[in-house]
Protein backbone atom coordinates (compact mmCIF):
# COMPACT_ATOMS: atom_id res chain seq x y z
CA MET A 1 -12.52 -69.49 22.09
CA LYS A 2 -15.40 -68.32 24.27
CA GLU A 3 -17.71 -70.69 22.40
CA LEU A 4 -15.23 -73.55 22.87
CA LEU A 5 -14.92 -72.76 26.56
CA ALA A 6 -18.68 -72.72 26.98
CA ALA A 7 -18.98 -76.11 25.28
CA ALA A 8 -16.11 -77.49 27.39
CA ARG A 9 -17.87 -76.36 30.60
CA GLY A 10 -21.08 -77.99 29.39
CA ASP A 11 -22.95 -74.68 29.32
CA VAL A 12 -23.96 -75.12 25.67
CA PRO A 13 -24.36 -78.20 23.47
CA CYS A 14 -21.34 -79.29 21.47
CA ASP A 15 -21.53 -80.07 17.73
CA LEU A 16 -20.85 -83.79 18.09
CA LEU A 17 -21.15 -86.08 21.10
CA ILE A 18 -19.83 -89.63 20.89
CA GLU A 19 -21.20 -91.39 23.94
CA GLY A 20 -21.12 -94.79 25.55
CA GLY A 21 -17.80 -95.92 24.10
CA THR A 22 -14.46 -96.93 25.59
CA VAL A 23 -11.73 -94.36 25.05
CA ALA A 24 -8.21 -95.70 24.44
CA ASN A 25 -6.10 -93.21 26.40
CA VAL A 26 -2.57 -93.24 24.96
CA LEU A 27 -1.53 -90.57 27.46
CA SER A 28 -2.11 -92.71 30.55
CA LEU A 29 -2.05 -96.09 28.74
CA GLU A 30 -5.47 -97.12 30.01
CA TYR A 31 -9.06 -97.47 28.89
CA GLU A 32 -11.79 -95.11 30.05
CA GLU A 33 -15.54 -95.26 29.81
CA ALA A 34 -16.11 -91.68 28.72
CA ASP A 35 -18.02 -89.53 26.25
CA ILE A 36 -16.22 -87.31 23.74
CA ALA A 37 -17.52 -83.79 23.13
CA VAL A 38 -16.50 -82.01 19.90
CA LYS A 39 -16.97 -78.35 18.95
CA ASP A 40 -15.71 -76.73 15.75
CA GLY A 41 -13.59 -79.79 15.00
CA ILE A 42 -11.85 -79.64 18.39
CA ILE A 43 -12.24 -82.05 21.29
CA VAL A 44 -13.55 -79.85 24.10
CA GLY A 45 -14.38 -82.52 26.63
CA VAL A 46 -13.77 -86.14 27.62
CA GLY A 47 -16.03 -87.35 30.42
CA SER A 48 -19.73 -87.17 31.20
CA GLY A 49 -22.49 -84.57 31.40
CA TYR A 50 -22.19 -83.21 27.87
CA SER A 51 -24.94 -82.72 25.31
CA GLY A 52 -24.65 -82.47 21.55
CA ARG A 53 -26.55 -81.46 18.47
CA GLU A 54 -25.45 -84.76 16.91
CA VAL A 55 -25.18 -87.78 19.20
CA ILE A 56 -23.45 -91.03 18.23
CA ASP A 57 -23.94 -94.17 20.28
CA ALA A 58 -20.57 -95.95 20.56
CA SER A 59 -21.66 -98.58 23.06
CA GLY A 60 -19.49 -101.69 22.84
CA ARG A 61 -16.94 -99.89 20.67
CA VAL A 62 -13.44 -98.57 21.29
CA LEU A 63 -12.55 -95.01 20.30
CA ILE A 64 -8.94 -94.40 19.31
CA PRO A 65 -7.06 -91.34 18.06
CA GLY A 66 -6.64 -90.96 14.32
CA MET A 67 -3.52 -92.84 13.30
CA ILE A 68 -0.35 -91.19 12.00
CA ASP A 69 2.28 -92.40 9.53
CA ALA A 70 5.54 -90.66 10.42
CA HIS A 71 7.47 -91.62 7.29
CA LEU A 72 6.38 -92.68 3.82
CA HIS A 73 6.67 -91.89 0.15
CA ILE A 74 3.28 -91.51 -1.50
CA GLU A 75 4.88 -91.93 -4.91
CA SER A 76 5.88 -95.50 -4.05
CA THR A 77 2.21 -96.47 -4.00
CA MET A 78 1.95 -95.10 -7.55
CA LEU A 79 -1.20 -93.32 -6.37
CA ARG A 80 -1.55 -89.56 -6.63
CA PRO A 81 -2.09 -87.86 -3.24
CA SER A 82 -5.85 -87.52 -3.62
CA ALA A 83 -6.25 -91.21 -4.46
CA PHE A 84 -3.93 -92.15 -1.60
CA ALA A 85 -6.11 -90.18 0.82
CA ALA A 86 -9.22 -91.96 -0.39
CA ALA A 87 -7.48 -95.30 0.24
CA VAL A 88 -6.09 -94.75 3.76
CA LEU A 89 -8.58 -92.48 5.52
CA PRO A 90 -11.20 -95.27 5.66
CA LEU A 91 -8.53 -97.37 7.41
CA GLY A 92 -8.20 -94.85 10.24
CA THR A 93 -5.14 -92.90 9.09
CA THR A 94 -5.75 -89.17 9.53
CA THR A 95 -2.26 -87.62 9.34
CA ILE A 96 0.85 -88.49 7.35
CA PHE A 97 4.38 -87.08 7.04
CA PRO A 98 5.44 -87.89 3.47
CA ASP A 99 8.86 -87.23 2.00
CA PRO A 100 8.29 -86.18 -1.66
CA HIS A 101 11.88 -86.66 -2.79
CA GLU A 102 10.78 -89.18 -5.42
CA ILE A 103 8.89 -86.67 -7.56
CA ALA A 104 11.45 -83.99 -6.64
CA ASN A 105 14.04 -86.11 -8.45
CA THR A 106 11.98 -86.26 -11.65
CA CYS A 107 10.19 -82.88 -11.63
CA GLY A 108 12.13 -80.63 -9.24
CA LEU A 109 10.37 -78.07 -7.04
CA ARG A 110 7.32 -78.13 -9.29
CA GLY A 111 6.81 -81.73 -8.28
CA ILE A 112 6.78 -80.78 -4.59
CA GLU A 113 4.34 -77.96 -5.28
CA PHE A 114 2.07 -80.44 -7.08
CA MET A 115 2.09 -82.85 -4.14
CA TRP A 116 1.36 -80.08 -1.63
CA GLY A 117 -1.35 -78.53 -3.80
CA GLU A 118 -3.17 -81.79 -4.31
CA SER A 119 -2.93 -82.62 -0.61
CA ARG A 120 -4.92 -79.47 0.09
CA GLN A 121 -7.83 -80.98 -1.84
CA THR A 122 -8.25 -83.86 0.63
CA PRO A 123 -9.33 -84.26 4.28
CA LEU A 124 -6.11 -86.18 5.03
CA ASP A 125 -3.49 -83.97 6.71
CA MET A 126 -0.20 -84.25 4.83
CA PHE A 127 2.91 -82.56 6.23
CA PHE A 128 5.71 -82.89 3.71
CA GLY A 129 9.41 -83.09 4.41
CA ALA A 130 11.70 -80.83 2.39
CA PRO A 131 13.84 -83.22 0.28
CA SER A 132 17.34 -83.11 1.73
CA CYS A 133 19.01 -85.33 -0.85
CA VAL A 134 18.11 -84.61 -4.46
CA PRO A 135 20.09 -86.38 -5.72
CA ALA A 136 20.44 -89.00 -2.99
CA SER A 137 24.16 -88.95 -3.73
CA LEU A 138 26.47 -87.59 -6.41
CA ARG A 139 26.31 -91.03 -8.02
CA GLU A 140 22.74 -90.49 -9.26
CA THR A 141 21.42 -88.11 -11.92
CA PRO A 142 18.12 -86.34 -11.09
CA TYR A 143 16.16 -83.86 -13.19
CA ARG A 144 17.71 -81.01 -11.23
CA GLU A 145 19.56 -80.74 -7.92
CA ILE A 146 17.66 -79.23 -5.01
CA ASP A 147 20.20 -77.21 -3.06
CA THR A 148 19.90 -75.29 0.22
CA LEU A 149 18.02 -72.44 -1.45
CA GLY A 150 15.56 -74.99 -2.79
CA VAL A 151 15.04 -76.43 0.69
CA MET A 152 14.48 -72.94 2.07
CA GLU A 153 11.96 -72.22 -0.69
CA CYS A 154 10.01 -75.32 0.36
CA TYR A 155 9.79 -73.80 3.85
CA SER A 156 9.04 -70.23 2.79
CA LYS A 157 6.17 -71.33 0.55
CA ASN A 158 4.80 -73.61 3.29
CA TRP A 159 5.01 -76.67 1.10
CA CYS A 160 7.10 -78.45 3.73
CA SER A 161 7.21 -78.49 7.52
CA HIS A 162 10.40 -80.44 8.31
CA LEU A 163 13.59 -81.76 6.73
CA GLY A 164 13.14 -85.00 4.84
CA GLU A 165 15.34 -88.02 5.46
CA MET A 166 19.02 -87.08 5.32
CA MET A 167 20.22 -90.05 3.28
CA ASN A 168 23.68 -88.77 2.50
CA TYR A 169 25.20 -90.07 5.71
CA PRO A 170 28.74 -90.09 4.24
CA GLY A 171 28.28 -86.35 3.59
CA VAL A 172 27.07 -85.78 7.14
CA LEU A 173 30.01 -87.72 8.59
CA SER A 174 32.61 -85.95 6.46
CA GLY A 175 31.25 -82.47 7.17
CA ASP A 176 30.29 -81.80 3.55
CA GLU A 177 29.37 -78.11 3.42
CA LEU A 178 26.48 -78.54 0.96
CA VAL A 179 24.93 -81.22 3.16
CA TRP A 180 25.40 -79.30 6.37
CA SER A 181 24.04 -76.07 4.89
CA LYS A 182 20.68 -77.85 4.42
CA ILE A 183 20.85 -79.07 8.02
CA PHE A 184 21.66 -75.63 9.39
CA SER A 185 18.91 -74.02 7.31
CA SER A 186 16.48 -76.42 9.06
CA TRP A 187 17.99 -76.07 12.52
CA ASP A 188 14.82 -75.21 14.45
CA ARG A 189 12.73 -77.78 12.56
CA VAL A 190 12.34 -81.51 12.98
CA LYS A 191 14.94 -83.29 10.85
CA THR A 192 14.52 -86.92 9.87
CA GLY A 193 17.44 -89.26 9.34
CA HIS A 194 18.54 -92.29 7.37
CA LEU A 195 21.01 -94.65 9.04
CA PRO A 196 21.22 -98.08 7.39
CA GLY A 197 23.78 -100.07 9.37
CA VAL A 198 25.42 -96.95 10.85
CA SER A 199 26.78 -97.63 14.33
CA GLY A 200 29.50 -96.80 16.84
CA ARG A 201 31.42 -93.57 16.37
CA ASP A 202 29.83 -92.95 12.97
CA LEU A 203 26.39 -93.03 14.61
CA CYS A 204 27.55 -90.54 17.24
CA ALA A 205 28.97 -88.25 14.57
CA TYR A 206 25.81 -88.40 12.46
CA LEU A 207 23.59 -87.48 15.40
CA LEU A 208 25.40 -84.17 15.81
CA SER A 209 23.17 -83.15 12.89
CA ARG A 210 20.04 -83.73 15.02
CA CYS A 211 18.59 -85.74 12.15
CA ASP A 212 17.26 -88.11 14.75
CA GLY A 213 14.32 -90.08 13.32
CA ASP A 214 15.49 -93.23 11.53
CA HIS A 215 13.50 -95.93 9.73
CA GLU A 216 16.35 -98.01 8.34
CA SER A 217 16.90 -100.58 11.11
CA SER A 218 16.63 -104.13 9.84
CA PHE A 219 17.48 -105.92 13.09
CA SER A 220 16.58 -105.44 16.75
CA LYS A 221 20.18 -104.95 17.88
CA GLU A 222 20.63 -102.18 15.34
CA ALA A 223 17.40 -100.51 16.51
CA LEU A 224 18.43 -100.76 20.17
CA ASP A 225 21.88 -99.33 19.50
CA LYS A 226 20.27 -96.32 17.84
CA LEU A 227 17.69 -95.92 20.60
CA ARG A 228 20.46 -95.81 23.19
CA ARG A 229 22.16 -92.94 21.35
CA GLY A 230 19.05 -90.77 21.13
CA VAL A 231 17.42 -91.84 17.88
CA TRP A 232 13.66 -91.94 17.57
CA VAL A 233 13.37 -95.44 16.15
CA MET A 234 10.87 -95.83 13.31
CA LEU A 235 9.84 -99.49 13.08
CA ARG A 236 9.31 -100.02 9.37
CA GLU A 237 6.73 -102.27 7.74
CA GLY A 238 6.34 -101.63 4.03
CA ALA A 239 5.34 -103.64 1.00
CA ILE A 240 8.72 -105.38 0.74
CA GLU A 241 10.55 -104.04 3.82
CA HIS A 242 9.17 -106.31 6.53
CA ASN A 243 11.22 -105.12 9.50
CA LEU A 244 8.60 -104.41 12.17
CA VAL A 245 8.30 -107.84 13.79
CA GLU A 246 12.08 -108.10 14.14
CA THR A 247 12.77 -104.55 15.32
CA ALA A 248 9.77 -104.44 17.68
CA ARG A 249 11.54 -107.05 19.80
CA ILE A 250 13.23 -104.17 21.61
CA ILE A 251 9.80 -103.27 23.03
CA LEU A 252 8.92 -106.87 23.80
CA ASP A 253 12.16 -107.12 25.81
CA ASP A 254 11.46 -103.88 27.70
CA GLU A 255 8.13 -102.14 27.28
CA ALA A 256 9.50 -98.82 28.56
CA ARG A 257 11.41 -98.45 25.30
CA TYR A 258 8.16 -97.75 23.42
CA ALA A 259 8.37 -94.06 24.40
CA ARG A 260 10.80 -93.17 21.59
CA CYS A 261 9.56 -95.59 18.94
CA MET A 262 6.93 -95.38 16.24
CA ALA A 263 5.73 -97.58 13.38
CA VAL A 264 6.08 -96.29 9.82
CA SER A 265 5.51 -97.45 6.24
CA ASP A 266 8.29 -95.98 4.08
CA ASP A 267 7.23 -97.70 0.84
CA LEU A 268 3.82 -99.25 0.17
CA THR A 269 1.87 -100.34 -2.88
CA ALA A 270 -1.81 -99.88 -3.64
CA GLU A 271 -2.21 -103.65 -3.44
CA SER A 272 -0.58 -103.87 0.00
CA ILE A 273 -2.91 -101.15 1.31
CA LEU A 274 -6.01 -102.89 0.00
CA THR A 275 -4.85 -106.33 1.12
CA ASP A 276 -3.12 -105.66 4.44
CA GLY A 277 -4.10 -102.13 5.43
CA HIS A 278 -2.04 -99.14 6.51
CA MET A 279 -1.30 -98.12 10.10
CA ASP A 280 -4.08 -100.42 11.28
CA HIS A 281 -2.07 -103.32 9.84
CA LYS A 282 0.95 -102.33 11.92
CA VAL A 283 -1.14 -102.22 15.09
CA ARG A 284 -2.44 -105.72 14.38
CA LEU A 285 1.09 -106.96 13.73
CA MET A 286 2.45 -105.53 16.97
CA ALA A 287 -0.46 -106.82 19.03
CA GLY A 288 -0.08 -110.18 17.35
CA ILE A 289 3.50 -110.63 18.55
CA GLY A 290 2.63 -109.78 22.15
CA ILE A 291 3.00 -106.02 22.45
CA ARG A 292 0.24 -104.57 24.62
CA PRO A 293 -2.42 -103.19 22.26
CA ILE A 294 -2.49 -99.77 23.94
CA ILE A 295 1.31 -99.56 23.50
CA ALA A 296 1.00 -100.60 19.87
CA LEU A 297 -1.58 -97.85 19.42
CA ALA A 298 0.73 -95.26 20.99
CA LEU A 299 3.35 -96.07 18.34
CA VAL A 300 1.01 -94.84 15.59
CA THR A 301 -0.63 -91.92 17.43
CA ILE A 302 0.90 -89.98 20.31
CA ASN A 303 4.54 -90.90 19.62
CA PRO A 304 4.71 -89.62 16.03
CA ALA A 305 2.71 -86.55 17.08
CA ASP A 306 5.22 -85.82 19.83
CA TYR A 307 8.19 -86.42 17.55
CA PHE A 308 6.90 -83.90 15.01
CA ARG A 309 5.85 -81.50 17.81
CA MET A 310 2.24 -81.70 16.71
CA TRP A 311 0.68 -81.08 20.10
CA ASP A 312 -2.79 -80.73 18.52
CA ARG A 313 -3.22 -84.41 17.65
CA GLY A 314 -2.21 -87.96 18.56
CA ALA A 315 -4.58 -88.44 21.53
CA ILE A 316 -8.22 -88.09 22.52
CA ALA A 317 -7.93 -85.16 24.91
CA PRO A 318 -9.27 -81.59 25.30
CA GLY A 319 -7.71 -79.12 22.90
CA ARG A 320 -6.73 -81.76 20.36
CA ILE A 321 -8.13 -82.00 16.86
CA ALA A 322 -11.12 -84.34 16.71
CA ASP A 323 -9.42 -87.05 14.67
CA ILE A 324 -11.25 -90.09 16.05
CA VAL A 325 -11.61 -93.67 14.86
CA MET A 326 -14.24 -96.15 16.07
CA VAL A 327 -13.11 -99.80 16.18
CA ASP A 328 -14.34 -103.03 17.76
CA SER A 329 -10.99 -103.54 19.47
CA ILE A 330 -7.41 -102.36 19.18
CA GLU A 331 -6.22 -105.92 18.58
CA ASP A 332 -8.43 -106.23 15.50
CA CYS A 333 -8.13 -102.51 14.64
CA ARG A 334 -10.70 -102.36 11.86
CA ALA A 335 -12.05 -98.86 11.37
CA LEU A 336 -15.84 -98.73 11.55
CA ARG A 337 -16.13 -94.95 11.44
CA VAL A 338 -13.53 -92.21 10.97
CA TRP A 339 -13.95 -88.58 11.97
CA LYS A 340 -11.51 -85.99 10.70
CA HIS A 341 -11.66 -82.59 12.42
CA GLY A 342 -14.98 -83.74 13.84
CA ARG A 343 -16.47 -84.56 10.45
CA LEU A 344 -17.39 -88.12 9.48
CA VAL A 345 -15.19 -88.87 6.45
CA ALA A 346 -15.36 -92.67 6.23
CA GLU A 347 -17.63 -95.49 7.32
CA SER A 348 -17.35 -99.27 6.96
CA GLY A 349 -14.24 -98.98 4.82
CA ARG A 350 -15.78 -96.47 2.42
CA ALA A 351 -14.67 -92.88 1.93
CA LEU A 352 -17.51 -90.35 2.30
CA PHE A 353 -15.75 -87.61 0.36
CA SER A 354 -14.69 -87.02 -3.21
CA VAL A 355 -11.63 -85.12 -4.36
CA GLY A 356 -10.46 -83.82 -7.69
CA GLY A 357 -6.85 -84.13 -8.76
CA LEU A 358 -4.68 -81.26 -9.96
CA PRO A 359 -2.93 -81.16 -13.35
CA ALA A 360 0.30 -83.15 -13.32
CA PRO A 361 3.60 -81.24 -13.13
CA PRO A 362 5.48 -80.65 -16.40
CA GLU A 363 7.02 -83.71 -17.96
CA THR A 364 10.69 -84.46 -17.56
CA PRO A 365 12.94 -85.05 -20.60
CA LYS A 366 12.41 -88.16 -22.65
CA LEU A 367 15.01 -90.79 -23.35
CA GLY A 368 17.64 -88.96 -25.38
CA ILE A 369 18.99 -91.77 -27.54
CA SER A 370 17.78 -94.19 -30.14
CA LEU A 371 17.64 -97.63 -28.62
CA SER A 372 19.31 -100.79 -29.84
CA GLU A 373 20.53 -104.00 -28.27
CA ASP A 374 24.07 -102.65 -28.42
CA ILE A 375 23.59 -100.57 -25.25
CA PHE A 376 23.30 -103.81 -23.24
CA LYS A 377 26.37 -105.54 -24.70
CA ILE A 378 29.42 -106.11 -22.48
CA PRO A 379 32.56 -107.37 -24.29
CA GLU A 380 34.38 -110.25 -22.63
CA GLN A 381 37.27 -109.40 -20.29
CA SER A 382 39.41 -111.52 -18.03
CA GLY A 383 38.54 -111.66 -14.35
CA LEU A 384 35.53 -111.95 -12.11
CA ILE A 385 32.54 -109.58 -11.95
CA ARG A 386 30.64 -107.82 -9.21
CA ILE A 387 27.03 -108.93 -8.73
CA MET A 388 24.24 -107.53 -6.58
CA GLU A 389 22.29 -110.11 -4.61
CA THR A 390 18.81 -109.27 -3.36
CA LEU A 391 17.80 -110.34 0.15
CA PRO A 392 14.19 -111.35 0.91
CA GLY A 393 12.24 -108.66 2.77
CA LEU A 394 15.15 -106.20 2.73
CA VAL A 395 16.21 -103.30 0.52
CA VAL A 396 19.90 -103.85 1.27
CA THR A 397 21.86 -106.03 -1.14
CA ARG A 398 24.85 -108.32 -0.75
CA ARG A 399 27.92 -107.96 -2.96
CA LEU A 400 29.08 -111.11 -4.73
CA ILE A 401 32.23 -111.73 -6.77
CA LEU A 402 31.71 -114.51 -9.32
CA PRO A 403 32.81 -115.54 -12.79
CA PRO A 404 30.51 -114.36 -15.60
CA LYS A 405 28.85 -116.41 -18.30
CA ILE A 406 30.39 -115.74 -21.71
CA GLN A 407 28.68 -116.27 -25.05
CA ASP A 408 30.06 -115.24 -28.47
CA GLY A 409 32.58 -112.93 -26.80
CA TYR A 410 30.02 -111.08 -24.62
CA LEU A 411 28.81 -111.33 -21.04
CA VAL A 412 25.24 -112.64 -20.88
CA SER A 413 22.63 -113.52 -18.27
CA ASP A 414 22.96 -116.89 -16.60
CA THR A 415 19.48 -118.05 -15.60
CA GLU A 416 20.78 -121.39 -14.35
CA ARG A 417 22.69 -119.54 -11.60
CA ASP A 418 19.91 -116.93 -11.27
CA ILE A 419 22.29 -114.19 -12.43
CA ILE A 420 20.67 -111.79 -14.88
CA LYS A 421 21.68 -108.56 -16.53
CA ILE A 422 20.53 -105.19 -15.18
CA ALA A 423 20.77 -101.79 -16.88
CA VAL A 424 20.07 -98.28 -15.62
CA VAL A 425 19.49 -95.73 -18.39
CA GLU A 426 19.46 -91.99 -17.64
CA LYS A 427 16.29 -90.14 -18.67
CA ASN A 428 15.91 -87.08 -16.42
CA ARG A 429 18.27 -84.92 -18.48
CA GLY A 430 17.83 -86.68 -21.78
CA THR A 431 21.38 -88.00 -22.16
CA GLY A 432 20.48 -91.67 -22.33
CA ALA A 433 23.72 -92.65 -20.57
CA ALA A 434 23.59 -96.31 -19.57
CA SER A 435 25.37 -98.59 -17.12
CA ILE A 436 25.22 -102.38 -17.04
CA GLY A 437 25.61 -104.83 -14.16
CA PHE A 438 24.26 -108.15 -12.89
CA VAL A 439 21.83 -109.14 -10.14
CA ARG A 440 20.99 -112.43 -8.43
CA GLY A 441 17.80 -113.31 -6.58
CA PHE A 442 14.95 -112.55 -9.00
CA GLY A 443 14.57 -116.04 -10.42
CA LEU A 444 13.81 -114.67 -13.88
CA LYS A 445 13.96 -117.50 -16.43
CA ARG A 446 13.20 -115.55 -19.59
CA GLY A 447 12.14 -112.11 -20.78
CA ALA A 448 12.67 -108.77 -19.07
CA LEU A 449 11.10 -106.28 -16.65
CA ALA A 450 11.53 -102.50 -16.94
CA SER A 451 10.43 -99.53 -14.86
CA SER A 452 10.69 -95.75 -14.65
CA VAL A 453 10.47 -96.15 -10.85
CA ALA A 454 14.11 -96.52 -9.81
CA HIS A 455 15.00 -94.97 -6.49
CA ASP A 456 15.85 -92.26 -5.98
CA ALA A 457 16.71 -90.43 -9.20
CA HIS A 458 14.15 -92.58 -11.08
CA ASN A 459 15.98 -93.18 -14.28
CA TYR A 460 14.97 -96.27 -16.24
CA VAL A 461 15.88 -99.66 -14.77
CA VAL A 462 15.55 -102.92 -16.69
CA ILE A 463 16.50 -106.50 -15.82
CA GLY A 464 16.39 -109.36 -18.25
CA ALA A 465 17.42 -112.80 -19.36
CA ASP A 466 18.33 -111.55 -22.85
CA ASP A 467 19.12 -108.25 -24.56
CA LEU A 468 16.20 -108.29 -27.01
CA SER A 469 13.65 -108.62 -24.22
CA MET A 470 15.35 -105.80 -22.32
CA LEU A 471 15.22 -103.60 -25.41
CA THR A 472 11.51 -104.31 -25.97
CA ALA A 473 10.60 -103.48 -22.36
CA LEU A 474 12.67 -100.30 -22.33
CA ARG A 475 11.26 -99.05 -25.62
CA CYS A 476 7.77 -99.31 -24.15
CA LEU A 477 8.72 -96.82 -21.44
CA ALA A 478 10.62 -94.33 -23.55
CA GLU A 479 7.63 -92.01 -23.97
CA ASP A 480 5.38 -92.19 -20.90
CA GLY A 481 7.32 -94.17 -18.31
CA GLY A 482 5.68 -96.81 -16.15
CA LEU A 483 6.18 -100.57 -15.85
CA ALA A 484 6.71 -103.09 -18.63
CA ALA A 485 7.22 -106.83 -19.08
CA ALA A 486 8.47 -108.30 -22.33
CA CYS A 487 9.68 -111.56 -23.82
CA GLY A 488 11.74 -111.29 -26.97
CA ASP A 489 10.13 -108.68 -29.21
CA ASN A 490 6.72 -109.27 -27.61
CA LEU A 491 5.42 -106.76 -25.05
CA ILE A 492 3.48 -108.85 -22.51
CA ALA A 493 2.10 -106.13 -20.23
CA ASN A 494 2.62 -102.49 -19.37
CA LEU A 495 1.29 -99.89 -16.94
CA PRO A 496 1.73 -96.18 -17.82
CA LEU A 497 2.69 -93.78 -15.00
CA PRO A 498 2.08 -90.34 -16.53
CA ILE A 499 2.65 -88.26 -13.37
CA GLY A 500 6.39 -87.75 -13.20
CA GLY A 501 6.95 -91.30 -14.40
CA LEU A 502 5.95 -92.36 -10.87
CA MET A 503 2.19 -92.12 -10.36
CA SER A 504 -0.99 -93.20 -12.08
CA ASP A 505 -4.34 -91.46 -12.52
CA LEU A 506 -6.13 -94.62 -11.36
CA ASP A 507 -7.75 -95.09 -7.97
CA ALA A 508 -6.43 -97.73 -5.56
CA PRO A 509 -8.65 -100.66 -6.65
CA ALA A 510 -8.02 -100.07 -10.36
CA LEU A 511 -4.30 -99.53 -9.86
CA SER A 512 -4.03 -102.62 -7.66
CA ALA A 513 -5.68 -104.69 -10.39
CA ALA A 514 -3.31 -103.28 -13.00
CA CYS A 515 -0.31 -103.96 -10.78
CA GLY A 516 -1.63 -107.47 -10.23
CA GLU A 517 -1.52 -108.02 -13.98
CA MET A 518 2.07 -106.78 -14.03
CA SER A 519 3.00 -109.17 -11.22
CA LYS A 520 1.36 -112.05 -13.10
CA ALA A 521 3.41 -111.15 -16.16
CA ALA A 522 6.56 -111.19 -14.02
CA GLU A 523 5.57 -114.58 -12.60
CA MET A 524 5.14 -115.91 -16.14
CA LEU A 525 8.76 -114.97 -16.72
CA GLY A 526 9.85 -116.97 -13.71
CA THR A 527 10.20 -114.64 -10.74
CA ALA A 528 8.62 -115.60 -7.43
CA ILE A 529 9.27 -112.26 -5.69
CA ARG A 530 6.02 -110.85 -4.28
CA GLU A 531 6.65 -107.26 -5.45
CA PRO A 532 9.19 -107.68 -8.26
CA PHE A 533 8.91 -104.16 -9.65
CA MET A 534 9.31 -102.56 -6.23
CA ALA A 535 12.24 -104.85 -5.43
CA MET A 536 13.84 -103.86 -8.73
CA SER A 537 13.29 -100.17 -8.00
CA PHE A 538 15.67 -100.26 -5.02
CA LEU A 539 18.59 -101.74 -6.95
CA SER A 540 19.69 -98.27 -8.04
CA LEU A 541 19.40 -96.51 -4.64
CA SER A 542 22.98 -95.41 -4.03
CA VAL A 543 22.65 -94.81 -0.28
CA ILE A 544 21.55 -98.32 0.74
CA PRO A 545 24.30 -100.94 1.26
CA GLU A 546 25.99 -102.98 0.01
CA LEU A 547 26.23 -102.55 -3.75
CA LYS A 548 23.93 -100.65 -6.13
CA LEU A 549 23.82 -99.72 -9.82
CA THR A 550 22.97 -96.20 -11.01
CA ASP A 551 23.18 -94.51 -14.40
CA GLN A 552 26.82 -93.78 -13.49
CA GLY A 553 27.76 -97.39 -12.77
CA TYR A 554 28.23 -99.57 -9.70
CA VAL A 555 28.28 -97.66 -6.41
CA GLU A 556 29.49 -98.71 -2.97
CA PRO A 557 27.08 -96.74 -0.72
CA ALA A 558 29.24 -96.91 2.43
CA SER A 559 32.07 -94.99 0.78
CA GLY A 560 30.34 -93.39 -2.21
CA ARG A 561 32.96 -94.94 -4.50
CA ARG A 562 32.26 -95.99 -8.04
CA LEU A 563 33.23 -99.58 -8.73
CA ASP A 564 33.96 -101.34 -12.00
CA LEU A 565 31.96 -104.32 -13.16
CA PHE A 566 35.13 -106.37 -13.54
CA VAL A 567 37.39 -107.14 -10.61
CA SER A 568 40.54 -109.23 -10.47
CA GLU A 569 40.40 -109.81 -6.72
CA GLU A 570 38.54 -108.45 -3.66
């Protein structure tokens, strides 16, 4: 500390001096012409009169704090943590708060340990949330439940710093003892929430849990209602969840509301990172719709730092970690240089570090049944059927009640009405139990798509225009998991995901190219959805309205009820 004090007073040279630039001050919401003095990875001075052993001329540039993603799932990118770090640090992201409940569902606590251990190999700071809902609800089948003792083990071993999103809002509202024991065990920690469409008295009841950071608002009115009741509103912009422009209207209407808002990713893909960016993309989006650039910057720096009580980052100020990004302007927000803890880690979009990955966690059970087309057959019954309808840019679905198409005494896909069969097949415990439903909105004309990425329990999910194609795609995944596209008995394309059935060993460019080939295969089969495999992955998430299909059957997330495929009236 004496050395830091001496450098702060200007008595001795600092390690790094960035001079001549414009500092974006997210504390006072202004721009300053000031030098930045760094010693031992800490900002010791902002002003003039400092000297440094290394001097960087930032004339004509803007210096911003390292950007922070307050909520995301690394597994959704299908990149392992080390590859994810190499992709986002050059974009100016220096800290993330991932929720690892995806791999926790397929690999248990060992999966969390793997994520934490690999994060320690990278310069990117990763603070994981202890998974609060494994399974997300009792209507999903994970590898193994993570109970309160499991949550506490995540804390005691320092794998996790806060409670991950509490998705089981029906359990919170009803006072479920198992749910509340996890909340109470995290009482002095930050606790993140999950409130899709929750409002009124239910919102008030949920917030007694102090799970007060929510990323599930789809509309500005919903976001404002939550803000008024004390929620820290996370404005989400993911690969398929494009909510930021709509929800950020609450700030456009009244700039003062920015103080308890932040921008987050939730679910990204490697392709979306390479094409659009990460937190820098969100800054550009917000500035592009008229939000003051310095305010947009605060939503990805100081605000998430304050929410997570990380007083050592989020701003360029004395005593803060020297996470600094050089850009031409906030509006453009293209990282030219990135310093992490005072060390240059990226320049001109290129990572200046290399990391080695850790061995993958133990494999989960394989598919426990021999496969045949019979598992997809649904004998004809009288009455209408329930159908999930996807909505563009949203992870929520709409529930439809329509007559089925019958052929030879069985229910079949109806491509003319864009209604195709969907199956979820349990794999985590090796039972092979399967449930069948129907979905509208994919535009699939022929063939089938299958994936071992099926939120949140990540059993197998397959959609298809015919049973043979579905069988072919599913058989491809039975050993190693991944993504598959098939037509009849012909496998068109596949992408293995050997790490928990969720992540690849490829780096971002290689994985993006492979995913591009999978998307092309899906397009050949008729779908026009930009991210068809990601869209499909959310059809089994039992805590997102309005109707979902898990390995246990149709689920109504609002009530947690199981619903039959057939219905006489509704």
